[in-house]
């Protein structure tokens, strides 16, 4: 399950780091507060700039609990940002060579 499923749109343009222009990418692991922070500036095709910060943590006592906070800071525009988040149960992870998650077994 992908518990970090998040889709962000501005003017119908969806954020996809493999396809869009972004800058000032920074990732910080804070062991004292047990948080992972990821931030960057997204420049859309219409040159709108949006700083996006993701702050994530999981609970060491209740390991089934994970939280994500998303902060938007428009740098050169005023407008609407759409976000859709949830749980994606269709995600398949390749954990190791030969592992078939759909069958629950590895190949020999």
Foldseek 3Di string as FASTA:
>chain_A
DPQFDKWKDDPRDIDDPVPFDKDPWDWDQDPVVQKIKTWIWTQGPVRWIKIKIKIKHADPVPRVDIDIDIDIDTDPDDDDMDMDGGDDPPDDDDPDPQDDVVVRDGDD
